[in-house]
Amino acid sequence: MIYLRLIFESFRFAWQALKANLLRTILSLLGVTIGIFAIISVFTIVDSLERNIRSSVNFLGNNVIYIQKFPWAFGGDYPWWKYFKRPSTNIREFRLLDRKIENDEGVAIFWGRGGNTLKFGNNSMSDVNLQGVSYQFNRVSDVPVGQGRYFTVADVDAGRNVIIVGYQVAKNLFRDLDPLGKTLKIRGLKFTIIGVMEKQGDSFLGMPTNDKNAFVPYGAFNKLFSIGQQGLEPVIAIKGCETDIGLQELEYEIRGVMRNIRGLKPRDDDNFALNRPELVANQISSMFQVIGLAGWVIGGFSILVGGFGIANIMFVSVKERTNIIGIQKSLGAKNYFVLFQFLFESVFLSLIGGGIGILLVFLLTLIPQDAMEILLSMGNIALGLGVSVVIGVLSGIIPAVLASNLDPVIAIRSK
């Protein structure tokens, strides 16, 4: 109970100091408010940017390894011109991988071609991304069919002219009509719609979404475009387990199987690339860590000024209440009681400044944003309050120690 009473009295003294010297206190707390606002606003915007960018690259899939000719990031001493001499992946390698790989949750091969025009009657839509896919493509990539169905094994094996279209494609071509079962044309070839994907909306930074995508079996895709060495090159995608260890083991297994398929000797370099979306995510995280560090530097100067302001308030408060401190100690108050009294008061004042800064950030998140959704996370709120507590302790510890060590007789005589 004595600690609760101590906290209550500290709050009461702090509130009295706040009311008695309102302008002085507000100006002193302004530094903490600006500092916390700067740090938490930067972190909130950075977290929102990172979250939106990560969601924008979700079309690459999670825990997926892509087998391609070129790596997504060039590096090392490997000559760049050797990449062009590498053979492309093909259907034969896809089938062997599908048969030999054991630690996977799905193996798929797909081709892609953008800028396609789809027609239905007098309606048409251009700039549609068309992909020819194998049966297990929905295991390695997100294909959220909202209406109709996904491909069957028979659809893919027979190369039937069936198609799954994105929400925007169906909306533009068929308006208010039910698109299922309707026939559209691509480069003069007819395709029957068997599925329509769920609406995803615009993606941050203009990343691809399924709204303007369309999928057909890769056999039907071959009727529209030339594929192979002289045409479009395929990508083989293999989905692994959820754990990093399982994904690493899968990568080792894929590398061994691919080297065996291509007859590479132990001393030969890999003539293929294993690309993982996690590399993109790691590059994004490292970039935002630098921005977060800049936020600490910017806000740190304001917090430093705010800390000196709170320390100034506490020194003045000790000076004004020296007589009261002497009375308290003459009545039996311990040194720690006086110390905690001023320390809690300093923390309380700092929390007020930090709370106002966090409130300003929250008001910032309420501004409608079309390009990016900004959210203030509980982690950033806790960070702001935690920094405020630390600043309060550091700013009030010296005045609190000086107050607790006052001689009661001298303190009572002071005016």
Protein backbone atom coordinates (compact mmCIF):
# COMPACT_ATOMS: atom_id res chain seq x y z
CA MET A 1 0.00 0.00 0.00
CA ILE A 2 2.85 2.41 0.75
CA TYR A 3 4.13 2.08 -2.81
CA LEU A 4 0.68 2.76 -4.26
CA ARG A 5 0.41 5.81 -2.01
CA LEU A 6 3.86 6.92 -3.10
CA ILE A 7 2.89 6.66 -6.77
CA PHE A 8 -0.38 8.52 -6.11
CA GLU A 9 1.42 11.34 -4.31
CA SER A 10 3.98 11.55 -7.10
CA PHE A 11 1.20 11.90 -9.66
CA ARG A 12 -0.44 14.56 -7.48
CA PHE A 13 2.77 16.58 -7.12
CA ALA A 14 3.47 16.27 -10.85
CA TRP A 15 -0.04 17.42 -11.70
CA GLN A 16 0.28 20.38 -9.31
CA ALA A 17 3.59 21.34 -10.90
CA LEU A 18 1.98 21.03 -14.32
CA LYS A 19 -0.88 23.34 -13.35
CA ALA A 20 1.20 25.83 -11.39
CA ASN A 21 3.72 26.35 -14.18
CA LEU A 22 1.75 25.32 -17.26
CA LEU A 23 3.71 27.25 -19.90
CA ARG A 24 7.10 26.24 -18.47
CA THR A 25 6.10 22.59 -18.30
CA ILE A 26 4.65 22.54 -21.82
CA LEU A 27 7.79 24.11 -23.30
CA SER A 28 9.98 21.63 -21.39
CA LEU A 29 7.94 18.62 -22.49
CA LEU A 30 7.87 19.80 -26.11
CA GLY A 31 11.26 18.24 -26.77
CA VAL A 32 10.11 14.80 -25.58
CA THR A 33 6.89 15.14 -27.57
CA ILE A 34 8.72 16.05 -30.79
CA GLY A 35 11.34 13.35 -30.24
CA ILE A 36 8.85 10.55 -29.61
CA PHE A 37 6.72 11.79 -32.52
CA ALA A 38 9.75 11.76 -34.85
CA ILE A 39 10.90 8.26 -33.84
CA ILE A 40 7.50 6.57 -33.73
CA SER A 41 6.25 8.27 -36.91
CA VAL A 42 9.37 7.12 -38.80
CA PHE A 43 9.03 3.58 -37.43
CA THR A 44 5.30 3.51 -38.20
CA ILE A 45 5.83 4.67 -41.79
CA VAL A 46 8.76 2.26 -42.23
CA ASP A 47 6.73 -0.67 -40.86
CA SER A 48 3.80 0.26 -43.12
CA LEU A 49 6.09 0.55 -46.16
CA GLU A 50 7.74 -2.78 -45.41
CA ARG A 51 4.38 -4.48 -44.81
CA ASN A 52 2.92 -3.13 -48.07
CA ILE A 53 6.01 -4.03 -50.09
CA ARG A 54 6.10 -7.54 -48.63
CA SER A 55 2.41 -8.03 -49.44
CA SER A 56 3.12 -6.75 -52.96
CA VAL A 57 5.72 -9.47 -53.55
CA ASN A 58 3.45 -12.20 -52.21
CA PHE A 59 2.78 -13.22 -55.81
CA LEU A 60 6.23 -14.86 -55.68
CA GLY A 61 4.90 -17.28 -53.07
CA ASN A 62 6.19 -18.27 -49.64
CA ASN A 63 8.90 -20.90 -49.09
CA VAL A 64 9.29 -21.39 -52.84
CA ILE A 65 12.52 -22.02 -54.73
CA TYR A 66 12.61 -20.98 -58.39
CA ILE A 67 14.93 -22.77 -60.82
CA GLN A 68 15.99 -20.42 -63.63
CA LYS A 69 18.88 -19.55 -65.90
CA PHE A 70 19.62 -16.19 -64.25
CA PRO A 71 19.89 -15.37 -60.54
CA TRP A 72 17.81 -12.51 -59.13
CA ALA A 73 20.94 -10.90 -57.70
CA PHE A 74 24.30 -10.99 -59.47
CA GLY A 75 27.43 -11.23 -57.37
CA GLY A 76 30.70 -13.01 -56.83
CA ASP A 77 33.43 -13.68 -59.38
CA TYR A 78 31.23 -15.58 -61.84
CA PRO A 79 31.59 -13.97 -65.32
CA TRP A 80 28.34 -12.36 -66.43
CA TRP A 81 28.61 -13.65 -69.99
CA LYS A 82 28.52 -17.26 -68.76
CA TYR A 83 24.93 -16.76 -67.59
CA PHE A 84 23.82 -16.42 -71.22
CA LYS A 85 25.45 -19.74 -72.12
CA ARG A 86 23.44 -21.63 -69.52
CA PRO A 87 20.71 -23.97 -70.83
CA SER A 88 17.10 -23.12 -70.07
CA THR A 89 14.96 -25.28 -67.84
CA ASN A 90 12.52 -27.55 -69.70
CA ILE A 91 9.60 -29.93 -69.27
CA ARG A 92 11.87 -32.97 -69.09
CA GLU A 93 13.73 -31.50 -66.08
CA PHE A 94 10.43 -30.54 -64.49
CA ARG A 95 9.14 -34.11 -64.74
CA LEU A 96 12.38 -35.58 -63.37
CA LEU A 97 12.37 -33.15 -60.46
CA ASP A 98 8.74 -33.93 -59.75
CA ARG A 99 9.62 -37.61 -59.58
CA LYS A 100 12.91 -37.40 -57.66
CA ILE A 101 12.42 -34.57 -55.14
CA GLU A 102 11.05 -35.90 -51.85
CA ASN A 103 11.01 -32.96 -49.39
CA ASP A 104 8.58 -30.78 -51.32
CA GLU A 105 4.94 -29.76 -51.11
CA GLY A 106 4.51 -29.16 -54.83
CA VAL A 107 6.48 -28.87 -58.07
CA ALA A 108 5.26 -26.71 -60.97
CA ILE A 109 6.45 -25.32 -64.27
CA PHE A 110 5.07 -22.20 -65.91
CA TRP A 111 5.59 -19.75 -68.73
CA GLY A 112 4.48 -16.11 -68.79
CA ARG A 113 3.76 -13.49 -71.43
CA GLY A 114 2.47 -9.98 -70.79
CA GLY A 115 0.67 -7.50 -73.04
CA ASN A 116 -2.03 -9.92 -74.24
CA THR A 117 -5.44 -8.87 -75.54
CA LEU A 118 -8.49 -10.91 -74.53
CA LYS A 119 -11.76 -10.50 -76.48
CA PHE A 120 -15.39 -11.35 -75.83
CA GLY A 121 -17.84 -10.14 -78.46
CA ASN A 122 -17.25 -6.42 -78.92
CA ASN A 123 -15.45 -6.11 -75.58
CA SER A 124 -11.70 -6.46 -75.24
CA MET A 125 -9.03 -5.97 -72.60
CA SER A 126 -5.36 -5.46 -73.33
CA ASP A 127 -2.20 -5.71 -71.24
CA VAL A 128 -3.28 -8.97 -69.61
CA ASN A 129 -0.55 -11.21 -68.21
CA LEU A 130 -1.13 -14.74 -69.50
CA GLN A 131 0.57 -17.74 -67.90
CA GLY A 132 0.72 -21.36 -68.97
CA VAL A 133 0.93 -23.53 -65.87
CA SER A 134 1.16 -27.14 -64.77
CA TYR A 135 -1.37 -28.81 -62.46
CA GLN A 136 0.41 -28.13 -59.16
CA PHE A 137 0.90 -24.43 -59.86
CA ASN A 138 -1.71 -23.50 -57.22
CA ARG A 139 0.49 -25.21 -54.58
CA VAL A 140 3.48 -22.98 -55.23
CA SER A 141 1.64 -19.75 -56.03
CA ASP A 142 -1.56 -18.08 -54.89
CA VAL A 143 -4.49 -18.75 -57.25
CA PRO A 144 -7.56 -17.69 -55.19
CA VAL A 145 -10.44 -19.00 -57.30
CA GLY A 146 -13.59 -17.18 -56.12
CA GLN A 147 -16.00 -18.56 -58.75
CA GLY A 148 -15.81 -21.83 -60.62
CA ARG A 149 -12.91 -24.25 -60.23
CA TYR A 150 -9.20 -24.82 -60.72
CA PHE A 151 -7.71 -26.99 -63.47
CA THR A 152 -8.04 -30.76 -63.31
CA VAL A 153 -5.25 -33.19 -64.19
CA ALA A 154 -7.13 -34.00 -67.41
CA ASP A 155 -7.30 -30.29 -68.33
CA VAL A 156 -3.52 -29.94 -68.05
CA ASP A 157 -2.51 -33.30 -69.55
CA ALA A 158 -4.78 -32.82 -72.58
CA GLY A 159 -3.86 -29.14 -72.97
CA ARG A 160 -7.52 -28.15 -73.09
CA ASN A 161 -8.50 -24.62 -74.04
CA VAL A 162 -9.80 -23.64 -70.62
CA ILE A 163 -8.87 -20.50 -68.72
CA ILE A 164 -8.99 -18.94 -65.24
CA VAL A 165 -9.22 -15.15 -65.36
CA GLY A 166 -8.63 -12.39 -62.82
CA TYR A 167 -11.40 -10.27 -61.33
CA GLN A 168 -10.62 -7.19 -63.44
CA VAL A 169 -10.51 -9.25 -66.64
CA ALA A 170 -13.94 -10.74 -65.95
CA LYS A 171 -15.36 -7.34 -64.99
CA ASN A 172 -14.11 -5.58 -68.12
CA LEU A 173 -15.11 -8.27 -70.58
CA PHE A 174 -18.44 -9.46 -69.19
CA ARG A 175 -19.75 -6.51 -67.16
CA ASP A 176 -22.76 -7.87 -65.28
CA LEU A 177 -22.85 -11.25 -67.07
CA ASP A 178 -21.81 -14.49 -65.39
CA PRO A 179 -18.42 -15.28 -67.00
CA LEU A 180 -18.41 -19.00 -66.15
CA GLY A 181 -18.83 -21.13 -69.23
CA LYS A 182 -18.41 -18.16 -71.60
CA THR A 183 -15.88 -18.29 -74.42
CA LEU A 184 -13.27 -15.62 -75.07
CA LYS A 185 -10.57 -15.31 -77.70
CA ILE A 186 -6.82 -14.95 -77.36
CA ARG A 187 -4.91 -14.46 -80.62
CA GLY A 188 -7.83 -15.98 -82.49
CA LEU A 189 -8.01 -19.12 -80.31
CA LYS A 190 -11.13 -19.77 -78.21
CA PHE A 191 -10.92 -20.50 -74.47
CA THR A 192 -13.72 -21.49 -72.10
CA ILE A 193 -13.75 -19.77 -68.71
CA ILE A 194 -13.83 -22.28 -65.83
CA GLY A 195 -12.86 -19.96 -62.97
CA VAL A 196 -12.66 -16.34 -61.83
CA MET A 197 -10.19 -15.27 -59.15
CA GLU A 198 -11.06 -13.16 -56.11
CA LYS A 199 -10.53 -9.40 -56.25
CA GLN A 200 -7.17 -8.25 -54.89
CA GLY A 201 -7.14 -4.54 -55.76
CA ASP A 202 -4.17 -2.37 -56.68
CA SER A 203 -0.83 -3.40 -55.28
CA PHE A 204 1.67 -1.05 -53.63
CA LEU A 205 4.36 0.25 -56.03
CA GLY A 206 2.43 -1.22 -58.96
CA MET A 207 3.46 -4.82 -58.28
CA PRO A 208 1.54 -7.49 -60.26
CA THR A 209 -1.73 -8.80 -58.89
CA ASN A 210 -4.05 -11.55 -60.05
CA ASP A 211 -6.74 -9.03 -61.08
CA LYS A 212 -5.18 -8.68 -64.53
CA ASN A 213 -3.80 -12.23 -64.76
CA ALA A 214 -5.10 -15.22 -66.64
CA PHE A 215 -4.00 -18.86 -66.41
CA VAL A 216 -4.23 -21.65 -68.99
CA PRO A 217 -2.74 -25.18 -69.08
CA TYR A 218 0.79 -25.07 -70.44
CA GLY A 219 -0.23 -27.30 -73.37
CA ALA A 220 -2.78 -24.69 -74.45
CA PHE A 221 -0.20 -21.95 -73.88
CA ASN A 222 2.08 -23.73 -76.36
CA LYS A 223 -0.62 -23.30 -79.03
CA LEU A 224 -0.36 -19.52 -78.65
CA PHE A 225 3.38 -18.99 -78.21
CA SER A 226 6.61 -20.70 -79.12
CA ILE A 227 8.30 -22.18 -76.06
CA GLY A 228 11.69 -23.81 -75.62
CA GLN A 229 15.18 -22.78 -76.77
CA GLN A 230 13.92 -20.42 -79.50
CA GLY A 231 10.87 -19.15 -77.62
CA LEU A 232 9.72 -18.31 -74.13
CA GLU A 233 11.74 -19.89 -71.35
CA PRO A 234 9.93 -21.63 -68.48
CA VAL A 235 10.45 -21.37 -64.74
CA ILE A 236 10.35 -24.38 -62.44
CA ALA A 237 9.02 -23.64 -58.94
CA ILE A 238 9.25 -26.00 -55.96
CA LYS A 239 7.50 -25.29 -52.67
CA GLY A 240 9.21 -26.37 -49.48
CA CYS A 241 8.29 -26.79 -45.85
CA GLU A 242 7.48 -23.87 -43.54
CA THR A 243 10.74 -24.06 -41.55
CA ASP A 244 14.04 -22.50 -42.66
CA ILE A 245 15.82 -25.80 -42.01
CA GLY A 246 13.40 -27.69 -44.25
CA LEU A 247 13.80 -25.10 -47.01
CA GLN A 248 17.58 -25.25 -46.77
CA GLU A 249 17.53 -29.04 -47.03
CA LEU A 250 15.22 -28.75 -50.05
CA GLU A 251 17.66 -26.36 -51.71
CA TYR A 252 20.50 -28.83 -51.22
CA GLU A 253 18.35 -31.62 -52.62
CA ILE A 254 17.33 -29.59 -55.68
CA ARG A 255 20.94 -28.62 -56.38
CA GLY A 256 22.04 -32.26 -56.22
CA VAL A 257 19.21 -33.51 -58.46
CA MET A 258 19.70 -30.71 -61.01
CA ARG A 259 23.46 -31.32 -61.22
CA ASN A 260 22.75 -35.03 -61.76
CA ILE A 261 20.13 -34.33 -64.43
CA ARG A 262 22.51 -32.05 -66.33
CA GLY A 263 25.49 -34.37 -65.89
CA LEU A 264 27.71 -31.87 -64.11
CA LYS A 265 31.02 -33.07 -62.72
CA PRO A 266 32.01 -32.33 -59.10
CA ARG A 267 34.34 -29.50 -60.16
CA ASP A 268 31.84 -27.94 -62.57
CA ASP A 269 29.98 -24.78 -61.59
CA ASP A 270 26.19 -24.84 -61.41
CA ASN A 271 24.66 -23.86 -64.76
CA PHE A 272 21.36 -22.91 -63.15
CA ALA A 273 20.19 -20.50 -60.45
CA LEU A 274 18.11 -21.27 -57.37
CA ASN A 275 16.19 -18.12 -56.48
CA ARG A 276 14.28 -17.60 -53.24
CA PRO A 277 11.82 -14.76 -52.49
CA GLU A 278 13.34 -14.55 -49.01
CA LEU A 279 16.36 -12.83 -50.61
CA VAL A 280 14.10 -10.00 -51.77
CA ALA A 281 12.51 -9.78 -48.32
CA ASN A 282 15.95 -9.65 -46.65
CA GLN A 283 17.08 -6.84 -48.95
CA ILE A 284 13.90 -4.93 -48.09
CA SER A 285 14.50 -5.44 -44.36
CA SER A 286 18.13 -4.27 -44.56
CA MET A 287 17.08 -1.14 -46.44
CA PHE A 288 14.45 -0.24 -43.87
CA GLN A 289 16.87 -0.84 -41.00
CA VAL A 290 18.93 2.07 -42.33
CA ILE A 291 15.83 4.26 -42.49
CA GLY A 292 14.92 3.24 -38.92
CA LEU A 293 18.41 4.20 -37.75
CA ALA A 294 17.92 7.62 -39.33
CA GLY A 295 14.68 7.94 -37.35
CA TRP A 296 16.56 7.28 -34.11
CA VAL A 297 19.15 9.92 -34.98
CA ILE A 298 16.51 12.52 -35.90
CA GLY A 299 14.38 11.88 -32.82
CA GLY A 300 17.37 11.42 -30.54
CA PHE A 301 18.34 15.10 -30.63
CA SER A 302 14.80 16.21 -29.77
CA ILE A 303 14.59 13.68 -26.93
CA LEU A 304 17.96 14.89 -25.61
CA VAL A 305 16.62 18.45 -25.47
CA GLY A 306 13.41 17.20 -23.87
CA GLY A 307 15.38 15.26 -21.25
CA PHE A 308 17.25 18.41 -20.22
CA GLY A 309 13.91 20.22 -20.06
CA ILE A 310 12.44 17.65 -17.67
CA ALA A 311 15.63 17.70 -15.59
CA ASN A 312 15.27 21.47 -15.32
CA ILE A 313 11.68 21.09 -14.11
CA MET A 314 12.78 18.57 -11.48
CA PHE A 315 15.62 20.77 -10.18
CA VAL A 316 13.16 23.66 -9.83
CA SER A 317 10.62 21.35 -8.19
CA VAL A 318 13.22 20.16 -5.63
CA LYS A 319 14.12 23.80 -4.89
CA GLU A 320 10.48 24.82 -4.43
CA ARG A 321 9.64 21.83 -2.18
CA THR A 322 12.81 21.71 -0.06
CA ASN A 323 10.84 22.76 3.04
CA ILE A 324 8.26 20.02 2.43
CA ILE A 325 11.02 17.44 1.97
CA GLY A 326 12.48 18.46 5.37
CA ILE A 327 9.09 18.04 7.06
CA GLN A 328 8.59 14.63 5.44
CA LYS A 329 12.03 13.39 6.56
CA SER A 330 11.55 14.78 10.10
CA LEU A 331 8.34 12.75 10.34
CA GLY A 332 10.21 9.54 9.44
CA ALA A 333 10.21 9.48 5.64
CA LYS A 334 13.06 7.33 4.33
CA ASN A 335 15.49 8.49 1.66
CA TYR A 336 14.08 6.03 -0.90
CA PHE A 337 10.58 7.45 -0.30
CA VAL A 338 11.75 10.95 -1.29
CA LEU A 339 13.85 9.58 -4.16
CA PHE A 340 10.97 7.57 -5.65
CA GLN A 341 8.62 10.50 -5.16
CA PHE A 342 10.65 12.73 -7.47
CA LEU A 343 11.64 9.90 -9.80
CA PHE A 344 8.00 8.92 -10.37
CA GLU A 345 7.17 12.56 -10.95
CA SER A 346 9.88 12.80 -13.63
CA VAL A 347 8.68 9.60 -15.33
CA PHE A 348 5.08 10.83 -15.19
CA LEU A 349 6.00 14.12 -16.88
CA SER A 350 8.02 12.28 -19.54
CA LEU A 351 5.12 9.90 -20.18
CA ILE A 352 2.83 12.88 -20.73
CA GLY A 353 5.19 14.23 -23.39
CA GLY A 354 5.64 10.80 -24.99
CA GLY A 355 1.91 10.10 -24.88
CA ILE A 356 1.18 13.33 -26.74
CA GLY A 357 3.76 12.39 -29.37
CA ILE A 358 2.17 8.95 -29.82
CA LEU A 359 -1.28 10.55 -30.04
CA LEU A 360 -0.04 12.81 -32.85
CA VAL A 361 1.25 9.75 -34.72
CA PHE A 362 -2.12 8.03 -34.26
CA LEU A 363 -3.89 11.10 -35.68
CA LEU A 364 -1.50 10.91 -38.64
CA THR A 365 -2.61 7.34 -39.36
CA LEU A 366 -6.25 8.49 -39.55
CA ILE A 367 -5.51 10.55 -42.67
CA PRO A 368 -6.90 8.57 -45.67
CA GLN A 369 -4.12 7.18 -47.86
CA ASP A 370 -4.89 5.68 -51.27
CA ALA A 371 -1.36 4.52 -52.02
CA MET A 372 -0.48 2.93 -48.67
CA GLU A 373 -2.26 1.93 -45.48
CA ILE A 374 -0.49 3.34 -42.39
CA LEU A 375 -1.05 1.52 -39.09
CA LEU A 376 0.30 2.30 -35.63
CA SER A 377 1.28 -1.05 -34.13
CA MET A 378 1.19 -1.95 -30.46
CA GLY A 379 4.93 -2.60 -30.67
CA ASN A 380 5.61 1.00 -31.68
CA ILE A 381 3.30 2.29 -28.94
CA ALA A 382 5.17 0.20 -26.37
CA LEU A 383 8.48 1.44 -27.80
CA GLY A 384 7.39 5.07 -27.47
CA LEU A 385 6.21 4.62 -23.90
CA GLY A 386 9.34 2.66 -23.01
CA VAL A 387 11.62 5.38 -24.38
CA SER A 388 9.59 7.97 -22.43
CA VAL A 389 10.09 6.01 -19.19
CA VAL A 390 13.84 5.74 -19.81
CA ILE A 391 14.10 9.48 -20.51
CA GLY A 392 12.08 10.20 -17.37
CA VAL A 393 14.38 8.06 -15.23
CA LEU A 394 17.57 9.55 -16.67
CA SER A 395 16.26 13.10 -16.38
CA GLY A 396 14.99 12.74 -12.83
CA ILE A 397 17.58 10.53 -11.19
CA ILE A 398 20.04 13.32 -10.25
CA PRO A 399 17.42 15.73 -8.85
CA ALA A 400 15.78 12.82 -6.99
CA VAL A 401 19.11 11.74 -5.42
CA LEU A 402 19.85 15.33 -4.37
CA ALA A 403 16.38 15.62 -2.80
CA SER A 404 16.68 12.31 -0.95
CA ASN A 405 20.07 13.29 0.55
CA LEU A 406 18.93 16.65 1.96
CA ASP A 407 19.50 17.22 5.66
CA PRO A 408 16.02 17.53 7.27
CA VAL A 409 17.05 20.37 9.62
CA ILE A 410 18.58 22.47 6.84
CA ALA A 411 15.67 21.62 4.54
CA ILE A 412 13.03 22.77 7.07
CA ARG A 413 14.82 26.11 7.55
CA SER A 414 14.87 26.85 3.83
CA LYS A 415 12.35 29.24 2.30
